Amino acid sequence: MVSRIEPWGFFIVMGLVIANVLSAIWMRPVMGLTFGLIDTLLTPLAWLVK
């Protein structure tokens, strides 16, 4: 059943991105976690620069 939809996966995902569905559900939490991780990793460097 899923294999019949698979060729259309890219267009489905792009449609969800354009409709701003994925950004609210998926992208904001992922971006928040990524920014938090980058901030945590760069904190020692910021202490050295000050």
C-alpha atoms as a PDB file:
ATOM      1  CA  MET A   1       0.000   0.000   0.000  1.00  0.00           C
ATOM      2  CA  VAL A   2       2.734   2.460   0.943  1.00  0.00           C
ATOM      3  CA  SER A   3       4.852   1.520  -2.062  1.00  0.00           C
ATOM      4  CA  ARG A   4       2.160   2.948  -4.325  1.00  0.00           C
ATOM      5  CA  ILE A   5       2.444   6.339  -2.607  1.00  0.00           C
ATOM      6  CA  GLU A   6       6.256   6.300  -2.391  1.00  0.00           C
ATOM      7  CA  PRO A   7       6.940   7.868  -5.820  1.00  0.00           C
ATOM      8  CA  TRP A   8       4.839  10.865  -4.767  1.00  0.00           C
ATOM      9  CA  GLY A   9       6.565  11.316  -1.401  1.00  0.00           C
ATOM     10  CA  PHE A  10       8.696  14.272  -2.466  1.00  0.00           C
ATOM     11  CA  PHE A  11       5.681  16.170  -3.796  1.00  0.00           C
ATOM     12  CA  ILE A  12       3.648  15.382  -0.683  1.00  0.00           C
ATOM     13  CA  VAL A  13       6.419  16.668   1.588  1.00  0.00           C
ATOM     14  CA  MET A  14       6.909  19.791  -0.540  1.00  0.00           C
ATOM     15  CA  GLY A  15       3.172  20.446  -0.441  1.00  0.00           C
ATOM     16  CA  LEU A  16       3.197  20.195   3.334  1.00  0.00           C
ATOM     17  CA  VAL A  17       6.161  22.562   3.537  1.00  0.00           C
ATOM     18  CA  ILE A  18       4.473  25.091   1.261  1.00  0.00           C
ATOM     19  CA  ALA A  19       1.250  24.800   3.255  1.00  0.00           C
ATOM     20  CA  ASN A  20       3.303  25.552   6.405  1.00  0.00           C
ATOM     21  CA  VAL A  21       2.172  22.324   8.071  1.00  0.00           C
ATOM     22  CA  LEU A  22       5.608  20.811   8.583  1.00  0.00           C
ATOM     23  CA  SER A  23       7.188  23.961   9.959  1.00  0.00           C
ATOM     24  CA  ALA A  24       4.766  24.125  12.870  1.00  0.00           C
ATOM     25  CA  ILE A  25       4.811  20.421  13.696  1.00  0.00           C
ATOM     26  CA  TRP A  26       8.333  19.335  12.838  1.00  0.00           C
ATOM     27  CA  MET A  27      10.748  22.122  11.914  1.00  0.00           C
ATOM     28  CA  ARG A  28      10.356  24.403  14.937  1.00  0.00           C
ATOM     29  CA  PRO A  29      11.124  21.694  17.522  1.00  0.00           C
ATOM     30  CA  VAL A  30      14.040  20.364  15.451  1.00  0.00           C
ATOM     31  CA  MET A  31      15.452  23.868  14.987  1.00  0.00           C
ATOM     32  CA  GLY A  32      15.066  24.578  18.701  1.00  0.00           C
ATOM     33  CA  LEU A  33      16.965  21.429  19.614  1.00  0.00           C
ATOM     34  CA  THR A  34      19.662  22.203  17.053  1.00  0.00           C
ATOM     35  CA  PHE A  35      20.138  25.769  18.281  1.00  0.00           C
ATOM     36  CA  GLY A  36      20.276  24.538  21.874  1.00  0.00           C
ATOM     37  CA  LEU A  37      22.911  21.953  20.966  1.00  0.00           C
ATOM     38  CA  ILE A  38      25.007  24.500  19.082  1.00  0.00           C
ATOM     39  CA  ASP A  39      24.738  26.950  21.976  1.00  0.00           C
ATOM     40  CA  THR A  40      25.816  24.250  24.427  1.00  0.00           C
ATOM     41  CA  LEU A  41      28.762  23.236  22.267  1.00  0.00           C
ATOM     42  CA  LEU A  42      29.941  26.820  21.739  1.00  0.00           C
ATOM     43  CA  THR A  43      29.619  27.968  25.362  1.00  0.00           C
ATOM     44  CA  PRO A  44      33.198  26.966  26.300  1.00  0.00           C
ATOM     45  CA  LEU A  45      34.492  28.835  23.263  1.00  0.00           C
ATOM     46  CA  ALA A  46      32.545  31.925  24.313  1.00  0.00           C
ATOM     47  CA  TRP A  47      34.167  31.739  27.772  1.00  0.00           C
ATOM     48  CA  LEU A  48      37.620  31.677  26.167  1.00  0.00           C
ATOM     49  CA  VAL A  49      36.892  34.671  23.961  1.00  0.00           C
ATOM     50  CA  LYS A  50      35.691  36.914  26.817  1.00  0.00           C
END
